[in-house]
Structures are given as structure tokens and as C-alpha cells.
PDB file of N, CA and C in Angstrom:
ATOM      1  N   MET A   1     -51.562 -22.286 -41.714  1.00  0.00           N
ATOM      2  CA  MET A   1     -51.728 -23.745 -41.548  1.00  0.00           C
ATOM      3  C   MET A   1     -50.377 -24.429 -41.701  1.00  0.00           C
ATOM      4  N   ASN A   2     -49.307 -23.755 -41.304  1.00  0.00           N
ATOM      5  CA  ASN A   2     -47.983 -24.362 -41.457  1.00  0.00           C
ATOM      6  C   ASN A   2     -47.421 -24.776 -40.109  1.00  0.00           C
ATOM      7  N   THR A   3     -48.303 -25.090 -39.153  1.00  0.00           N
ATOM      8  CA  THR A   3     -47.798 -25.420 -37.820  1.00  0.00           C
ATOM      9  C   THR A   3     -47.134 -26.780 -37.817  1.00  0.00           C
ATOM     10  N   GLY A   4     -47.624 -27.730 -38.620  1.00  0.00           N
ATOM     11  CA  GLY A   4     -47.113 -29.090 -38.561  1.00  0.00           C
ATOM     12  C   GLY A   4     -46.109 -29.412 -39.636  1.00  0.00           C
ATOM     13  N   GLN A   5     -45.427 -28.398 -40.164  1.00  0.00           N
ATOM     14  CA  GLN A   5     -44.550 -28.648 -41.307  1.00  0.00           C
ATOM     15  C   GLN A   5     -43.461 -29.665 -40.997  1.00  0.00           C
ATOM     16  N   GLY A   6     -42.814 -29.553 -39.835  1.00  0.00           N
ATOM     17  CA  GLY A   6     -41.719 -30.470 -39.526  1.00  0.00           C
ATOM     18  C   GLY A   6     -42.197 -31.905 -39.473  1.00  0.00           C
ATOM     19  N   MET A   7     -43.381 -32.113 -38.895  1.00  0.00           N
ATOM     20  CA  MET A   7     -43.884 -33.474 -38.778  1.00  0.00           C
ATOM     21  C   MET A   7     -44.196 -34.033 -40.156  1.00  0.00           C
ATOM     22  N   ILE A   8     -44.698 -33.185 -41.055  1.00  0.00           N
ATOM     23  CA  ILE A   8     -45.021 -33.672 -42.399  1.00  0.00           C
ATOM     24  C   ILE A   8     -43.747 -34.177 -43.063  1.00  0.00           C
ATOM     25  N   LYS A   9     -42.644 -33.445 -42.896  1.00  0.00           N
ATOM     26  CA  LYS A   9     -41.406 -33.897 -43.520  1.00  0.00           C
ATOM     27  C   LYS A   9     -40.962 -35.222 -42.931  1.00  0.00           C
ATOM     28  N   ARG A  10     -41.191 -35.408 -41.628  1.00  0.00           N
ATOM     29  CA  ARG A  10     -40.682 -36.622 -40.993  1.00  0.00           C
ATOM     30  C   ARG A  10     -41.458 -37.854 -41.421  1.00  0.00           C
ATOM     31  N   MET A  11     -42.792 -37.769 -41.442  1.00  0.00           N
ATOM     32  CA  MET A  11     -43.566 -38.940 -41.867  1.00  0.00           C
ATOM     33  C   MET A  11     -44.422 -38.528 -43.051  1.00  0.00           C
ATOM     34  N   ALA A  12     -43.783 -38.479 -44.196  1.00  0.00           N
ATOM     35  CA  ALA A  12     -44.397 -37.857 -45.363  1.00  0.00           C
ATOM     36  C   ALA A  12     -45.691 -38.549 -45.779  1.00  0.00           C
ATOM     37  N   ARG A  13     -45.662 -39.864 -45.973  1.00  0.00           N
ATOM     38  CA  ARG A  13     -46.800 -40.511 -46.624  1.00  0.00           C
ATOM     39  C   ARG A  13     -48.103 -40.379 -45.831  1.00  0.00           C
ATOM     40  N   PRO A  14     -48.207 -40.887 -44.609  1.00  0.00           N
ATOM     41  CA  PRO A  14     -49.523 -40.864 -43.957  1.00  0.00           C
ATOM     42  C   PRO A  14     -50.040 -39.456 -43.706  1.00  0.00           C
ATOM     43  N   LEU A  15     -49.163 -38.514 -43.393  1.00  0.00           N
ATOM     44  CA  LEU A  15     -49.664 -37.205 -43.025  1.00  0.00           C
ATOM     45  C   LEU A  15     -50.153 -36.418 -44.229  1.00  0.00           C
ATOM     46  N   LYS A  16     -49.521 -36.621 -45.400  1.00  0.00           N
ATOM     47  CA  LYS A  16     -49.983 -35.882 -46.567  1.00  0.00           C
ATOM     48  C   LYS A  16     -51.408 -36.285 -46.920  1.00  0.00           C
ATOM     49  N   LEU A  17     -51.710 -37.565 -46.831  1.00  0.00           N
ATOM     50  CA  LEU A  17     -53.077 -38.005 -47.115  1.00  0.00           C
ATOM     51  C   LEU A  17     -54.059 -37.301 -46.186  1.00  0.00           C
ATOM     52  N   GLU A  18     -53.722 -37.253 -44.905  1.00  0.00           N
ATOM     53  CA  GLU A  18     -54.658 -36.667 -43.967  1.00  0.00           C
ATOM     54  C   GLU A  18     -54.690 -35.147 -44.105  1.00  0.00           C
ATOM     55  N   LYS A  19     -53.593 -34.569 -44.563  1.00  0.00           N
ATOM     56  CA  LYS A  19     -53.577 -33.133 -44.777  1.00  0.00           C
ATOM     57  C   LYS A  19     -54.639 -32.758 -45.818  1.00  0.00           C
ATOM     58  N   THR A  20     -54.706 -33.503 -46.925  1.00  0.00           N
ATOM     59  CA  THR A  20     -55.694 -33.167 -47.950  1.00  0.00           C
ATOM     60  C   THR A  20     -57.100 -33.304 -47.385  1.00  0.00           C
ATOM     61  N   LYS A  21     -57.341 -34.347 -46.593  1.00  0.00           N
ATOM     62  CA  LYS A  21     -58.660 -34.502 -45.971  1.00  0.00           C
ATOM     63  C   LYS A  21     -58.985 -33.267 -45.144  1.00  0.00           C
ATOM     64  N   MET A  22     -58.018 -32.804 -44.359  1.00  0.00           N
ATOM     65  CA  MET A  22     -58.289 -31.676 -43.474  1.00  0.00           C
ATOM     66  C   MET A  22     -58.578 -30.416 -44.280  1.00  0.00           C
ATOM     67  N   ILE A  23     -57.892 -30.246 -45.419  1.00  0.00           N
ATOM     68  CA  ILE A  23     -58.147 -29.064 -46.244  1.00  0.00           C
ATOM     69  C   ILE A  23     -59.593 -29.097 -46.737  1.00  0.00           C
ATOM     70  N   ASN A  24     -60.056 -30.275 -47.182  1.00  0.00           N
ATOM     71  CA  ASN A  24     -61.448 -30.389 -47.613  1.00  0.00           C
ATOM     72  C   ASN A  24     -62.392 -30.015 -46.482  1.00  0.00           C
ATOM     73  N   VAL A  25     -62.072 -30.475 -45.283  1.00  0.00           N
ATOM     74  CA  VAL A  25     -62.922 -30.152 -44.134  1.00  0.00           C
ATOM     75  C   VAL A  25     -62.969 -28.647 -43.932  1.00  0.00           C
ATOM     76  N   ASP A  26     -61.821 -27.984 -44.038  1.00  0.00           N
ATOM     77  CA  ASP A  26     -61.804 -26.536 -43.832  1.00  0.00           C
ATOM     78  C   ASP A  26     -62.661 -25.833 -44.882  1.00  0.00           C
ATOM     79  N   GLN A  27     -62.567 -26.274 -46.137  1.00  0.00           N
ATOM     80  CA  GLN A  27     -63.348 -25.626 -47.187  1.00  0.00           C
ATOM     81  C   GLN A  27     -64.842 -25.806 -46.940  1.00  0.00           C
ATOM     82  N   SER A  28     -65.239 -26.999 -46.512  1.00  0.00           N
ATOM     83  CA  SER A  28     -66.665 -27.230 -46.279  1.00  0.00           C
ATOM     84  C   SER A  28     -67.149 -26.407 -45.091  1.00  0.00           C
ATOM     85  N   ALA A  29     -66.255 -26.112 -44.149  1.00  0.00           N
ATOM     86  CA  ALA A  29     -66.664 -25.340 -42.976  1.00  0.00           C
ATOM     87  C   ALA A  29     -67.006 -23.907 -43.372  1.00  0.00           C
ATOM     88  N   GLU A  30     -66.410 -23.399 -44.463  1.00  0.00           N
ATOM     89  CA  GLU A  30     -66.703 -22.036 -44.879  1.00  0.00           C
ATOM     90  C   GLU A  30     -68.144 -21.915 -45.375  1.00  0.00           C
ATOM     91  N   THR A  31     -68.668 -22.963 -46.000  1.00  0.00           N
ATOM     92  CA  THR A  31     -69.985 -22.862 -46.621  1.00  0.00           C
ATOM     93  C   THR A  31     -71.102 -22.893 -45.593  1.00  0.00           C
ATOM     94  N   GLY A  32     -70.833 -23.325 -44.367  1.00  0.00           N
ATOM     95  CA  GLY A  32     -71.874 -23.352 -43.357  1.00  0.00           C
ATOM     96  C   GLY A  32     -71.569 -24.409 -42.323  1.00  0.00           C
ATOM     97  N   PRO A  33     -72.583 -24.895 -41.615  1.00  0.00           N
ATOM     98  CA  PRO A  33     -72.342 -25.972 -40.642  1.00  0.00           C
ATOM     99  C   PRO A  33     -71.796 -27.203 -41.347  1.00  0.00           C
ATOM    100  N   SER A  34     -70.676 -27.682 -40.863  1.00  0.00           N
ATOM    101  CA  SER A  34     -69.971 -28.739 -41.584  1.00  0.00           C
ATOM    102  C   SER A  34     -70.546 -30.098 -41.230  1.00  0.00           C
ATOM    103  N   LYS A  35     -70.865 -30.881 -42.251  1.00  0.00           N
ATOM    104  CA  LYS A  35     -71.287 -32.259 -41.979  1.00  0.00           C
ATOM    105  C   LYS A  35     -70.071 -33.163 -41.818  1.00  0.00           C
ATOM    106  N   TYR A  36     -68.874 -32.607 -42.049  1.00  0.00           N
ATOM    107  CA  TYR A  36     -67.653 -33.399 -41.922  1.00  0.00           C
ATOM    108  C   TYR A  36     -66.973 -33.180 -40.580  1.00  0.00           C
ATOM    109  N   GLN A  37     -67.696 -32.645 -39.608  1.00  0.00           N
ATOM    110  CA  GLN A  37     -67.056 -32.340 -38.337  1.00  0.00           C
ATOM    111  C   GLN A  37     -66.471 -33.597 -37.703  1.00  0.00           C
ATOM    112  N   SER A  38     -67.233 -34.707 -37.755  1.00  0.00           N
ATOM    113  CA  SER A  38     -66.732 -35.939 -37.142  1.00  0.00           C
ATOM    114  C   SER A  38     -65.486 -36.425 -37.885  1.00  0.00           C
ATOM    115  N   LEU A  39     -65.473 -36.261 -39.207  1.00  0.00           N
ATOM    116  CA  LEU A  39     -64.287 -36.654 -39.969  1.00  0.00           C
ATOM    117  C   LEU A  39     -63.075 -35.852 -39.508  1.00  0.00           C
ATOM    118  N   ASP A  40     -63.290 -34.547 -39.258  1.00  0.00           N
ATOM    119  CA  ASP A  40     -62.193 -33.706 -38.808  1.00  0.00           C
ATOM    120  C   ASP A  40     -61.652 -34.217 -37.476  1.00  0.00           C
ATOM    121  N   ASP A  41     -62.552 -34.526 -36.550  1.00  0.00           N
ATOM    122  CA  ASP A  41     -62.098 -35.062 -35.265  1.00  0.00           C
ATOM    123  C   ASP A  41     -61.342 -36.367 -35.473  1.00  0.00           C
ATOM    124  N   ALA A  42     -61.860 -37.198 -36.388  1.00  0.00           N
ATOM    125  CA  ALA A  42     -61.202 -38.481 -36.640  1.00  0.00           C
ATOM    126  C   ALA A  42     -59.797 -38.262 -37.187  1.00  0.00           C
ATOM    127  N   THR A  43     -59.640 -37.302 -38.108  1.00  0.00           N
ATOM    128  CA  THR A  43     -58.304 -37.070 -38.661  1.00  0.00           C
ATOM    129  C   THR A  43     -57.358 -36.572 -37.578  1.00  0.00           C
ATOM    130  N   MET A  44     -57.863 -35.718 -36.683  1.00  0.00           N
ATOM    131  CA  MET A  44     -56.988 -35.252 -35.612  1.00  0.00           C
ATOM    132  C   MET A  44     -56.534 -36.436 -34.759  1.00  0.00           C
ATOM    133  N   MET A  45     -57.466 -37.345 -34.463  1.00  0.00           N
ATOM    134  CA  MET A  45     -57.089 -38.491 -33.642  1.00  0.00           C
ATOM    135  C   MET A  45     -56.094 -39.376 -34.382  1.00  0.00           C
ATOM    136  N   THR A  46     -56.313 -39.577 -35.694  1.00  0.00           N
ATOM    137  CA  THR A  46     -55.370 -40.435 -36.422  1.00  0.00           C
ATOM    138  C   THR A  46     -54.001 -39.773 -36.465  1.00  0.00           C
ATOM    139  N   ARG A  47     -53.970 -38.462 -36.680  1.00  0.00           N
ATOM    140  CA  ARG A  47     -52.663 -37.798 -36.697  1.00  0.00           C
ATOM    141  C   ARG A  47     -51.957 -37.989 -35.366  1.00  0.00           C
ATOM    142  N   LYS A  48     -52.740 -37.848 -34.287  1.00  0.00           N
ATOM    143  CA  LYS A  48     -52.131 -38.002 -32.968  1.00  0.00           C
ATOM    144  C   LYS A  48     -51.622 -39.428 -32.801  1.00  0.00           C
ATOM    145  N   ARG A  49     -52.442 -40.401 -33.244  1.00  0.00           N
ATOM    146  CA  ARG A  49     -52.062 -41.795 -33.074  1.00  0.00           C
ATOM    147  C   ARG A  49     -50.827 -42.112 -33.918  1.00  0.00           C
ATOM    148  N   VAL A  50     -50.802 -41.618 -35.153  1.00  0.00           N
ATOM    149  CA  VAL A  50     -49.631 -41.846 -36.005  1.00  0.00           C
ATOM    150  C   VAL A  50     -48.391 -41.262 -35.346  1.00  0.00           C
ATOM    151  N   ALA A  51     -48.532 -40.041 -34.826  1.00  0.00           N
ATOM    152  CA  ALA A  51     -47.382 -39.401 -34.189  1.00  0.00           C
ATOM    153  C   ALA A  51     -46.910 -40.221 -32.998  1.00  0.00           C
ATOM    154  N   LEU A  52     -47.863 -40.727 -32.214  1.00  0.00           N
ATOM    155  CA  LEU A  52     -47.467 -41.508 -31.040  1.00  0.00           C
ATOM    156  C   LEU A  52     -46.772 -42.798 -31.458  1.00  0.00           C
ATOM    157  N   ASN A  53     -47.331 -43.468 -32.479  1.00  0.00           N
ATOM    158  CA  ASN A  53     -46.707 -44.714 -32.935  1.00  0.00           C
ATOM    159  C   ASN A  53     -45.297 -44.455 -33.450  1.00  0.00           C
ATOM    160  N   MET A  54     -45.149 -43.403 -34.262  1.00  0.00           N
ATOM    161  CA  MET A  54     -43.829 -43.095 -34.796  1.00  0.00           C
ATOM    162  C   MET A  54     -42.878 -42.750 -33.649  1.00  0.00           C
ATOM    163  N   ASN A  55     -43.405 -42.053 -32.658  1.00  0.00           N
ATOM    164  CA  ASN A  55     -42.576 -41.670 -31.517  1.00  0.00           C
ATOM    165  C   ASN A  55     -42.088 -42.918 -30.796  1.00  0.00           C
ATOM    166  N   ARG A  56     -42.962 -43.918 -30.693  1.00  0.00           N
ATOM    167  CA  ARG A  56     -42.559 -45.144 -30.015  1.00  0.00           C
ATOM    168  C   ARG A  56     -41.513 -45.885 -30.847  1.00  0.00           C
ATOM    169  N   ARG A  57     -41.688 -45.847 -32.179  1.00  0.00           N
ATOM    170  CA  ARG A  57     -40.788 -46.624 -33.027  1.00  0.00           C
ATOM    171  C   ARG A  57     -39.441 -45.924 -33.209  1.00  0.00           C
ATOM    172  N   PHE A  58     -39.471 -44.616 -33.429  1.00  0.00           N
ATOM    173  CA  PHE A  58     -38.229 -43.873 -33.676  1.00  0.00           C
ATOM    174  C   PHE A  58     -38.101 -42.728 -32.685  1.00  0.00           C
ATOM    175  N   PRO A  59     -37.790 -43.016 -31.438  1.00  0.00           N
ATOM    176  CA  PRO A  59     -37.754 -41.927 -30.449  1.00  0.00           C
ATOM    177  C   PRO A  59     -36.694 -40.885 -30.762  1.00  0.00           C
ATOM    178  N   ARG A  60     -35.675 -41.248 -31.553  1.00  0.00           N
ATOM    179  CA  ARG A  60     -34.609 -40.285 -31.822  1.00  0.00           C
ATOM    180  C   ARG A  60     -35.115 -39.175 -32.743  1.00  0.00           C
ATOM    181  N   LEU A  61     -36.014 -39.533 -33.672  1.00  0.00           N
ATOM    182  CA  LEU A  61     -36.521 -38.522 -34.598  1.00  0.00           C
ATOM    183  C   LEU A  61     -37.485 -37.563 -33.902  1.00  0.00           C
ATOM    184  N   PHE A  62     -38.285 -38.099 -32.990  1.00  0.00           N
ATOM    185  CA  PHE A  62     -39.334 -37.292 -32.384  1.00  0.00           C
ATOM    186  C   PHE A  62     -38.979 -37.033 -30.937  1.00  0.00           C
ATOM    187  N   ARG A  63     -38.261 -35.949 -30.701  1.00  0.00           N
ATOM    188  CA  ARG A  63     -37.929 -35.647 -29.323  1.00  0.00           C
ATOM    189  C   ARG A  63     -38.833 -34.527 -28.841  1.00  0.00           C
ATOM    190  N   LEU A  64     -40.139 -34.754 -28.868  1.00  0.00           N
ATOM    191  CA  LEU A  64     -41.086 -33.766 -28.371  1.00  0.00           C
ATOM    192  C   LEU A  64     -41.350 -34.032 -26.900  1.00  0.00           C
ATOM    193  N   SER A  65     -41.188 -33.004 -26.106  1.00  0.00           N
ATOM    194  CA  SER A  65     -41.630 -33.149 -24.723  1.00  0.00           C
ATOM    195  C   SER A  65     -43.151 -33.049 -24.696  1.00  0.00           C
ATOM    196  N   LYS A  66     -43.762 -33.402 -23.591  1.00  0.00           N
ATOM    197  CA  LYS A  66     -45.220 -33.339 -23.508  1.00  0.00           C
ATOM    198  C   LYS A  66     -45.694 -31.909 -23.749  1.00  0.00           C
ATOM    199  N   ASN A  67     -44.965 -30.952 -23.199  1.00  0.00           N
ATOM    200  CA  ASN A  67     -45.370 -29.558 -23.337  1.00  0.00           C
ATOM    201  C   ASN A  67     -45.432 -29.129 -24.796  1.00  0.00           C
ATOM    202  N   GLU A  68     -44.378 -29.443 -25.555  1.00  0.00           N
ATOM    203  CA  GLU A  68     -44.327 -28.995 -26.935  1.00  0.00           C
ATOM    204  C   GLU A  68     -45.470 -29.592 -27.740  1.00  0.00           C
ATOM    205  N   SER A  69     -45.721 -30.881 -27.557  1.00  0.00           N
ATOM    206  CA  SER A  69     -46.782 -31.500 -28.345  1.00  0.00           C
ATOM    207  C   SER A  69     -48.134 -30.898 -27.984  1.00  0.00           C
ATOM    208  N   GLU A  70     -48.347 -30.561 -26.725  1.00  0.00           N
ATOM    209  CA  GLU A  70     -49.612 -29.932 -26.346  1.00  0.00           C
ATOM    210  C   GLU A  70     -49.740 -28.557 -26.984  1.00  0.00           C
ATOM    211  N   ASN A  71     -48.634 -27.826 -27.062  1.00  0.00           N
ATOM    212  CA  ASN A  71     -48.689 -26.514 -27.699  1.00  0.00           C
ATOM    213  C   ASN A  71     -49.046 -26.655 -29.169  1.00  0.00           C
ATOM    214  N   GLU A  72     -48.432 -27.621 -29.850  1.00  0.00           N
ATOM    215  CA  GLU A  72     -48.771 -27.841 -31.252  1.00  0.00           C
ATOM    216  C   GLU A  72     -50.247 -28.174 -31.397  1.00  0.00           C
ATOM    217  N   GLN A  73     -50.757 -29.017 -30.518  1.00  0.00           N
ATOM    218  CA  GLN A  73     -52.174 -29.384 -30.578  1.00  0.00           C
ATOM    219  C   GLN A  73     -53.040 -28.134 -30.420  1.00  0.00           C
ATOM    220  N   ALA A  74     -52.673 -27.262 -29.503  1.00  0.00           N
ATOM    221  CA  ALA A  74     -53.461 -26.050 -29.288  1.00  0.00           C
ATOM    222  C   ALA A  74     -53.432 -25.175 -30.538  1.00  0.00           C
ATOM    223  N   LYS A  75     -52.257 -25.016 -31.149  1.00  0.00           N
ATOM    224  CA  LYS A  75     -52.167 -24.223 -32.375  1.00  0.00           C
ATOM    225  C   LYS A  75     -53.064 -24.814 -33.452  1.00  0.00           C
ATOM    226  N   ARG A  76     -53.015 -26.148 -33.587  1.00  0.00           N
ATOM    227  CA  ARG A  76     -53.819 -26.800 -34.610  1.00  0.00           C
ATOM    228  C   ARG A  76     -55.303 -26.568 -34.350  1.00  0.00           C
ATOM    229  N   ASP A  77     -55.710 -26.625 -33.078  1.00  0.00           N
ATOM    230  CA  ASP A  77     -57.119 -26.416 -32.763  1.00  0.00           C
ATOM    231  C   ASP A  77     -57.538 -24.986 -33.088  1.00  0.00           C
ATOM    232  N   GLU A  78     -56.650 -24.022 -32.874  1.00  0.00           N
ATOM    233  CA  GLU A  78     -56.990 -22.640 -33.183  1.00  0.00           C
ATOM    234  C   GLU A  78     -57.180 -22.442 -34.682  1.00  0.00           C
ATOM    235  N   SER A  79     -56.424 -23.156 -35.496  1.00  0.00           N
ATOM    236  CA  SER A  79     -56.487 -22.936 -36.939  1.00  0.00           C
ATOM    237  C   SER A  79     -57.798 -23.421 -37.527  1.00  0.00           C
ATOM    238  N   HIS A  80     -58.533 -24.262 -36.806  1.00  0.00           N
ATOM    239  CA  HIS A  80     -59.816 -24.748 -37.356  1.00  0.00           C
ATOM    240  C   HIS A  80     -60.920 -23.755 -37.056  1.00  0.00           C
TER     241      HIS A  80
END
């Protein structure tokens, strides 16, 4: 689950909060059908939105091409 490490360092505050939420979601998924599935989708969308906003505000920090960001998204989806 270390695919997003660089992004966490770049925008520490908002992503750490959502990271803990995602860990809880993963733990609940082990026990059976997760009732937090919608929350997980919501966190993914917020992470994406935060990344996009930060990208718009500080383009120098986030030089992700479309391809790279899609690859990261795919890795993240596999980890769930």
C-alpha cells in the first residue's frame, strides 16, 4: 500500500486523514461484505479531486502526465 507515498509527502494534511479512512475500509473488507464500500469510493474520488486541485494550484510540484496518473489509479484499484 505504498503506491501513493510521494503524493502523501506533497500534500500531507488532507491525504493522511483519508489514508486512515481507507485503512479502516480495508480492515472491514476482510471481515466480509463491506458496508463501507461507498465510503471507499468517496475517498478515492476525494483523493482524485484533491490531487486535481493541487495540480491546478501548484503545477510545478505535480508534473504527472495523464498516463502516469492513470497507472497510479490502476495500482490503487488493485490494492483494494
